[in-house]
Amino acid sequence: GLPVKNQQGDVLGLVTDLMDNGAQSILCVKSTDAKSDKGEQLIPFIKTIVRSVTVDKSSEKYGILVDWQLDW
């Protein structure tokens, strides 16, 4: 249920699941934008993509920060 944002501040959606493909974990992120045709994105949960994870709801950085573009 954590929100996922990219480094440009775009909200990609909310985490709905965490899968494992054998090589790495994969975040399943469902778009929260009703106008978006993205539906669900699969984002590798690896150090080069996931920049930070903050679970403290009182923090302004709450959620997952990723190096991922809206159009990927």
PDB file of N, CA and C in Angstrom:
ATOM      1  N   GLY A   1       0.771  -1.197   0.000  1.00  0.00           N
ATOM      2  CA  GLY A   1       0.000   0.000   0.000  1.00  0.00           C
ATOM      3  C   GLY A   1       0.828   1.285   0.000  1.00  0.00           C
ATOM      4  N   LEU A   2       2.160   1.157   0.004  1.00  0.00           N
ATOM      5  CA  LEU A   2       2.997   2.363  -0.009  1.00  0.00           C
ATOM      6  C   LEU A   2       2.889   3.089  -1.345  1.00  0.00           C
ATOM      7  N   PRO A   3       2.853   4.421  -1.307  1.00  0.00           N
ATOM      8  CA  PRO A   3       2.889   5.166  -2.564  1.00  0.00           C
ATOM      9  C   PRO A   3       4.284   5.081  -3.184  1.00  0.00           C
ATOM     10  N   VAL A   4       4.312   5.099  -4.508  1.00  0.00           N
ATOM     11  CA  VAL A   4       5.573   5.045  -5.240  1.00  0.00           C
ATOM     12  C   VAL A   4       5.683   6.316  -6.075  1.00  0.00           C
ATOM     13  N   LYS A   5       6.785   7.037  -5.893  1.00  0.00           N
ATOM     14  CA  LYS A   5       7.044   8.271  -6.644  1.00  0.00           C
ATOM     15  C   LYS A   5       8.390   8.144  -7.332  1.00  0.00           C
ATOM     16  N   ASN A   6       8.527   8.868  -8.448  1.00  0.00           N
ATOM     17  CA  ASN A   6       9.841   8.892  -9.078  1.00  0.00           C
ATOM     18  C   ASN A   6      10.604  10.138  -8.634  1.00  0.00           C
ATOM     19  N   GLN A   7      11.831  10.271  -9.075  1.00  0.00           N
ATOM     20  CA  GLN A   7      12.694  11.365  -8.632  1.00  0.00           C
ATOM     21  C   GLN A   7      12.228  12.720  -9.149  1.00  0.00           C
ATOM     22  N   GLN A   8      11.334  12.734 -10.132  1.00  0.00           N
ATOM     23  CA  GLN A   8      10.791  13.985 -10.651  1.00  0.00           C
ATOM     24  C   GLN A   8       9.542  14.408  -9.870  1.00  0.00           C
ATOM     25  N   GLY A   9       9.109  13.570  -8.915  1.00  0.00           N
ATOM     26  CA  GLY A   9       7.946  13.885  -8.097  1.00  0.00           C
ATOM     27  C   GLY A   9       6.634  13.342  -8.619  1.00  0.00           C
ATOM     28  N   ASP A  10       6.674  12.585  -9.718  1.00  0.00           N
ATOM     29  CA  ASP A  10       5.465  11.981 -10.268  1.00  0.00           C
ATOM     30  C   ASP A  10       5.042  10.788  -9.419  1.00  0.00           C
ATOM     31  N   VAL A  11       3.757  10.702  -9.110  1.00  0.00           N
ATOM     32  CA  VAL A  11       3.231   9.549  -8.369  1.00  0.00           C
ATOM     33  C   VAL A  11       2.921   8.454  -9.378  1.00  0.00           C
ATOM     34  N   LEU A  12       3.586   7.303  -9.214  1.00  0.00           N
ATOM     35  CA  LEU A  12       3.376   6.179 -10.128  1.00  0.00           C
ATOM     36  C   LEU A  12       2.198   5.322  -9.704  1.00  0.00           C
ATOM     37  N   GLY A  13       1.901   5.299  -8.405  1.00  0.00           N
ATOM     38  CA  GLY A  13       0.793   4.500  -7.897  1.00  0.00           C
ATOM     39  C   GLY A  13       1.079   3.957  -6.521  1.00  0.00           C
ATOM     40  N   LEU A  14       0.360   2.882  -6.178  1.00  0.00           N
ATOM     41  CA  LEU A  14       0.512   2.222  -4.878  1.00  0.00           C
ATOM     42  C   LEU A  14       0.991   0.795  -5.072  1.00  0.00           C
ATOM     43  N   VAL A  15       1.823   0.325  -4.155  1.00  0.00           N
ATOM     44  CA  VAL A  15       2.297  -1.055  -4.199  1.00  0.00           C
ATOM     45  C   VAL A  15       1.131  -1.977  -3.865  1.00  0.00           C
ATOM     46  N   THR A  16       0.878  -2.944  -4.751  1.00  0.00           N
ATOM     47  CA  THR A  16      -0.183  -3.921  -4.521  1.00  0.00           C
ATOM     48  C   THR A  16       0.367  -5.292  -4.182  1.00  0.00           C
ATOM     49  N   ASP A  17       1.623  -5.533  -4.559  1.00  0.00           N
ATOM     50  CA  ASP A  17       2.211  -6.855  -4.325  1.00  0.00           C
ATOM     51  C   ASP A  17       3.725  -6.762  -4.489  1.00  0.00           C
ATOM     52  N   LEU A  18       4.401  -7.754  -4.002  1.00  0.00           N
ATOM     53  CA  LEU A  18       5.843  -7.899  -4.176  1.00  0.00           C
ATOM     54  C   LEU A  18       6.071  -9.327  -4.648  1.00  0.00           C
ATOM     55  N   MET A  19       6.582  -9.486  -5.870  1.00  0.00           N
ATOM     56  CA  MET A  19       6.808 -10.809  -6.455  1.00  0.00           C
ATOM     57  C   MET A  19       8.306 -11.091  -6.499  1.00  0.00           C
ATOM     58  N   ASP A  20       8.627 -12.330  -6.763  1.00  0.00           N
ATOM     59  CA  ASP A  20      10.020 -12.737  -6.935  1.00  0.00           C
ATOM     60  C   ASP A  20      10.117 -13.486  -8.253  1.00  0.00           C
ATOM     61  N   ASN A  21      11.006 -13.060  -9.145  1.00  0.00           N
ATOM     62  CA  ASN A  21      11.161 -13.754 -10.428  1.00  0.00           C
ATOM     63  C   ASN A  21      12.376 -14.678 -10.446  1.00  0.00           C
ATOM     64  N   GLY A  22      12.956 -14.917  -9.285  1.00  0.00           N
ATOM     65  CA  GLY A  22      14.128 -15.778  -9.195  1.00  0.00           C
ATOM     66  C   GLY A  22      15.428 -14.996  -9.177  1.00  0.00           C
ATOM     67  N   ALA A  23      15.498 -13.920  -9.934  1.00  0.00           N
ATOM     68  CA  ALA A  23      16.703 -13.091  -9.977  1.00  0.00           C
ATOM     69  C   ALA A  23      16.589 -11.894  -9.043  1.00  0.00           C
ATOM     70  N   GLN A  24      15.351 -11.405  -8.837  1.00  0.00           N
ATOM     71  CA  GLN A  24      15.150 -10.214  -8.010  1.00  0.00           C
ATOM     72  C   GLN A  24      13.686 -10.122  -7.605  1.00  0.00           C
ATOM     73  N   SER A  25      13.434  -9.269  -6.648  1.00  0.00           N
ATOM     74  CA  SER A  25      12.054  -8.981  -6.267  1.00  0.00           C
ATOM     75  C   SER A  25      11.503  -7.922  -7.216  1.00  0.00           C
ATOM     76  N   ILE A  26      10.191  -7.954  -7.424  1.00  0.00           N
ATOM     77  CA  ILE A  26       9.512  -7.043  -8.338  1.00  0.00           C
ATOM     78  C   ILE A  26       8.360  -6.367  -7.598  1.00  0.00           C
ATOM     79  N   LEU A  27       8.322  -5.039  -7.639  1.00  0.00           N
ATOM     80  CA  LEU A  27       7.199  -4.293  -7.079  1.00  0.00           C
ATOM     81  C   LEU A  27       6.070  -4.267  -8.100  1.00  0.00           C
ATOM     82  N   CYS A  28       4.865  -4.601  -7.680  1.00  0.00           N
ATOM     83  CA  CYS A  28       3.671  -4.440  -8.517  1.00  0.00           C
ATOM     84  C   CYS A  28       3.038  -3.125  -8.077  1.00  0.00           C
ATOM     85  N   VAL A  29       2.972  -2.170  -8.985  1.00  0.00           N
ATOM     86  CA  VAL A  29       2.499  -0.828  -8.662  1.00  0.00           C
ATOM     87  C   VAL A  29       1.267  -0.519  -9.510  1.00  0.00           C
ATOM     88  N   LYS A  30       0.137  -0.324  -8.848  1.00  0.00           N
ATOM     89  CA  LYS A  30      -1.114  -0.008  -9.543  1.00  0.00           C
ATOM     90  C   LYS A  30      -1.287   1.502  -9.597  1.00  0.00           C
ATOM     91  N   SER A  31      -1.550   2.003 -10.789  1.00  0.00           N
ATOM     92  CA  SER A  31      -1.738   3.443 -10.990  1.00  0.00           C
ATOM     93  C   SER A  31      -2.945   3.933 -10.206  1.00  0.00           C
ATOM     94  N   THR A  32      -2.810   5.103  -9.599  1.00  0.00           N
ATOM     95  CA  THR A  32      -3.922   5.722  -8.882  1.00  0.00           C
ATOM     96  C   THR A  32      -4.546   6.834  -9.711  1.00  0.00           C
ATOM     97  N   ASP A  33      -4.038   7.030 -10.910  1.00  0.00           N
ATOM     98  CA  ASP A  33      -4.540   8.069 -11.807  1.00  0.00           C
ATOM     99  C   ASP A  33      -5.610   7.468 -12.711  1.00  0.00           C
ATOM    100  N   ALA A  34      -6.853   7.899 -12.541  1.00  0.00           N
ATOM    101  CA  ALA A  34      -7.974   7.366 -13.318  1.00  0.00           C
ATOM    102  C   ALA A  34      -7.802   7.611 -14.816  1.00  0.00           C
ATOM    103  N   LYS A  35      -7.037   8.632 -15.194  1.00  0.00           N
ATOM    104  CA  LYS A  35      -6.839   8.977 -16.608  1.00  0.00           C
ATOM    105  C   LYS A  35      -5.721   8.159 -17.243  1.00  0.00           C
ATOM    106  N   SER A  36      -4.933   7.493 -16.422  1.00  0.00           N
ATOM    107  CA  SER A  36      -3.775   6.759 -16.925  1.00  0.00           C
ATOM    108  C   SER A  36      -4.198   5.407 -17.491  1.00  0.00           C
ATOM    109  N   ASP A  37      -3.534   5.012 -18.577  1.00  0.00           N
ATOM    110  CA  ASP A  37      -3.782   3.685 -19.135  1.00  0.00           C
ATOM    111  C   ASP A  37      -2.702   2.693 -18.691  1.00  0.00           C
ATOM    112  N   LYS A  38      -1.886   3.101 -17.710  1.00  0.00           N
ATOM    113  CA  LYS A  38      -0.792   2.254 -17.243  1.00  0.00           C
ATOM    114  C   LYS A  38      -1.289   1.006 -16.522  1.00  0.00           C
ATOM    115  N   GLY A  39      -2.397   1.128 -15.777  1.00  0.00           N
ATOM    116  CA  GLY A  39      -2.889  -0.017 -15.018  1.00  0.00           C
ATOM    117  C   GLY A  39      -1.895  -0.389 -13.952  1.00  0.00           C
ATOM    118  N   GLU A  40      -1.103  -1.437 -14.220  1.00  0.00           N
ATOM    119  CA  GLU A  40      -0.106  -1.895 -13.258  1.00  0.00           C
ATOM    120  C   GLU A  40       1.267  -1.914 -13.917  1.00  0.00           C
ATOM    121  N   GLN A  41       2.263  -1.431 -13.180  1.00  0.00           N
ATOM    122  CA  GLN A  41       3.642  -1.480 -13.641  1.00  0.00           C
ATOM    123  C   GLN A  41       4.416  -2.449 -12.766  1.00  0.00           C
ATOM    124  N   LEU A  42       5.366  -3.131 -13.346  1.00  0.00           N
ATOM    125  CA  LEU A  42       6.260  -4.023 -12.612  1.00  0.00           C
ATOM    126  C   LEU A  42       7.626  -3.351 -12.572  1.00  0.00           C
ATOM    127  N   ILE A  43       8.085  -3.051 -11.357  1.00  0.00           N
ATOM    128  CA  ILE A  43       9.332  -2.309 -11.177  1.00  0.00           C
ATOM    129  C   ILE A  43      10.306  -3.174 -10.383  1.00  0.00           C
ATOM    130  N   PRO A  44      11.485  -3.447 -10.934  1.00  0.00           N
ATOM    131  CA  PRO A  44      12.472  -4.251 -10.208  1.00  0.00           C
ATOM    132  C   PRO A  44      12.856  -3.594  -8.875  1.00  0.00           C
ATOM    133  N   PHE A  45      12.848  -4.371  -7.810  1.00  0.00           N
ATOM    134  CA  PHE A  45      13.215  -3.873  -6.490  1.00  0.00           C
ATOM    135  C   PHE A  45      14.714  -4.105  -6.309  1.00  0.00           C
ATOM    136  N   ILE A  46      15.497  -3.261  -7.002  1.00  0.00           N
ATOM    137  CA  ILE A  46      16.956  -3.359  -6.943  1.00  0.00           C
ATOM    138  C   ILE A  46      17.532  -1.986  -6.609  1.00  0.00           C
ATOM    139  N   LYS A  47      18.743  -2.007  -6.076  1.00  0.00           N
ATOM    140  CA  LYS A  47      19.390  -0.793  -5.568  1.00  0.00           C
ATOM    141  C   LYS A  47      19.513   0.314  -6.614  1.00  0.00           C
ATOM    142  N   THR A  48      19.736  -0.019  -7.872  1.00  0.00           N
ATOM    143  CA  THR A  48      19.910   1.013  -8.896  1.00  0.00           C
ATOM    144  C   THR A  48      18.594   1.687  -9.268  1.00  0.00           C
ATOM    145  N   ILE A  49      17.463   1.098  -8.906  1.00  0.00           N
ATOM    146  CA  ILE A  49      16.150   1.683  -9.228  1.00  0.00           C
ATOM    147  C   ILE A  49      15.463   2.224  -7.984  1.00  0.00           C
ATOM    148  N   VAL A  50      15.423   1.446  -6.915  1.00  0.00           N
ATOM    149  CA  VAL A  50      14.772   1.885  -5.677  1.00  0.00           C
ATOM    150  C   VAL A  50      15.772   2.718  -4.882  1.00  0.00           C
ATOM    151  N   ARG A  51      15.485   4.011  -4.752  1.00  0.00           N
ATOM    152  CA  ARG A  51      16.400   4.937  -4.091  1.00  0.00           C
ATOM    153  C   ARG A  51      16.197   5.001  -2.590  1.00  0.00           C
ATOM    154  N   SER A  52      14.929   4.896  -2.139  1.00  0.00           N
ATOM    155  CA  SER A  52      14.670   4.907  -0.697  1.00  0.00           C
ATOM    156  C   SER A  52      13.285   4.340  -0.419  1.00  0.00           C
ATOM    157  N   VAL A  53      13.142   3.816   0.790  1.00  0.00           N
ATOM    158  CA  VAL A  53      11.856   3.316   1.284  1.00  0.00           C
ATOM    159  C   VAL A  53      11.652   3.931   2.658  1.00  0.00           C
ATOM    160  N   THR A  54      10.561   4.683   2.825  1.00  0.00           N
ATOM    161  CA  THR A  54      10.256   5.330   4.099  1.00  0.00           C
ATOM    162  C   THR A  54       8.864   4.894   4.529  1.00  0.00           C
ATOM    163  N   VAL A  55       8.791   4.177   5.665  1.00  0.00           N
ATOM    164  CA  VAL A  55       7.502   3.657   6.132  1.00  0.00           C
ATOM    165  C   VAL A  55       6.888   4.500   7.242  1.00  0.00           C
ATOM    166  N   ASP A  56       7.589   5.536   7.659  1.00  0.00           N
ATOM    167  CA  ASP A  56       7.083   6.445   8.697  1.00  0.00           C
ATOM    168  C   ASP A  56       6.073   7.407   8.061  1.00  0.00           C
ATOM    169  N   LYS A  57       4.781   7.203   8.380  1.00  0.00           N
ATOM    170  CA  LYS A  57       3.718   8.004   7.766  1.00  0.00           C
ATOM    171  C   LYS A  57       3.810   9.490   8.109  1.00  0.00           C
ATOM    172  N   SER A  58       4.491   9.824   9.192  1.00  0.00           N
ATOM    173  CA  SER A  58       4.599  11.237   9.564  1.00  0.00           C
ATOM    174  C   SER A  58       5.712  11.952   8.781  1.00  0.00           C
ATOM    175  N   SER A  59       6.496  11.196   8.037  1.00  0.00           N
ATOM    176  CA  SER A  59       7.587  11.786   7.259  1.00  0.00           C
ATOM    177  C   SER A  59       7.076  12.298   5.918  1.00  0.00           C
ATOM    178  N   GLU A  60       7.607  13.435   5.468  1.00  0.00           N
ATOM    179  CA  GLU A  60       7.242  13.955   4.155  1.00  0.00           C
ATOM    180  C   GLU A  60       7.775  13.061   3.037  1.00  0.00           C
ATOM    181  N   LYS A  61       8.719  12.177   3.360  1.00  0.00           N
ATOM    182  CA  LYS A  61       9.291  11.259   2.375  1.00  0.00           C
ATOM    183  C   LYS A  61       8.610   9.888   2.392  1.00  0.00           C
ATOM    184  N   TYR A  62       7.444   9.792   3.050  1.00  0.00           N
ATOM    185  CA  TYR A  62       6.721   8.529   3.169  1.00  0.00           C
ATOM    186  C   TYR A  62       6.507   7.889   1.797  1.00  0.00           C
ATOM    187  N   GLY A  63       6.870   6.630   1.667  1.00  0.00           N
ATOM    188  CA  GLY A  63       6.672   5.891   0.430  1.00  0.00           C
ATOM    189  C   GLY A  63       7.984   5.385  -0.137  1.00  0.00           C
ATOM    190  N   ILE A  64       7.919   5.021  -1.407  1.00  0.00           N
ATOM    191  CA  ILE A  64       9.084   4.468  -2.097  1.00  0.00           C
ATOM    192  C   ILE A  64       9.483   5.432  -3.208  1.00  0.00           C
ATOM    193  N   LEU A  65      10.748   5.824  -3.216  1.00  0.00           N
ATOM    194  CA  LEU A  65      11.295   6.707  -4.239  1.00  0.00           C
ATOM    195  C   LEU A  65      12.068   5.848  -5.233  1.00  0.00           C
ATOM    196  N   VAL A  66      11.727   5.969  -6.524  1.00  0.00           N
ATOM    197  CA  VAL A  66      12.365   5.147  -7.543  1.00  0.00           C
ATOM    198  C   VAL A  66      12.937   5.997  -8.675  1.00  0.00           C
ATOM    199  N   ASP A  67      13.933   5.466  -9.323  1.00  0.00           N
ATOM    200  CA  ASP A  67      14.483   6.049 -10.541  1.00  0.00           C
ATOM    201  C   ASP A  67      13.772   5.362 -11.694  1.00  0.00           C
ATOM    202  N   TRP A  68      12.577   5.859 -12.035  1.00  0.00           N
ATOM    203  CA  TRP A  68      11.691   5.213 -13.009  1.00  0.00           C
ATOM    204  C   TRP A  68      10.832   6.295 -13.651  1.00  0.00           C
ATOM    205  N   GLN A  69      10.680   6.253 -14.933  1.00  0.00           N
ATOM    206  CA  GLN A  69       9.903   7.270 -15.647  1.00  0.00           C
ATOM    207  C   GLN A  69       8.447   6.852 -15.812  1.00  0.00           C
ATOM    208  N   LEU A  70       7.571   7.821 -15.946  1.00  0.00           N
ATOM    209  CA  LEU A  70       6.143   7.546 -16.127  1.00  0.00           C
ATOM    210  C   LEU A  70       5.879   6.728 -17.392  1.00  0.00           C
ATOM    211  N   ASP A  71       6.658   6.959 -18.439  1.00  0.00           N
ATOM    212  CA  ASP A  71       6.389   6.315 -19.717  1.00  0.00           C
ATOM    213  C   ASP A  71       7.113   4.980 -19.904  1.00  0.00           C
ATOM    214  N   TRP A  72       7.703   4.429 -18.862  1.00  0.00           N
ATOM    215  CA  TRP A  72       8.356   3.121 -18.990  1.00  0.00           C
ATOM    216  C   TRP A  72       7.366   2.028 -18.754  1.00  0.00           C
TER     217      TRP A  72
END
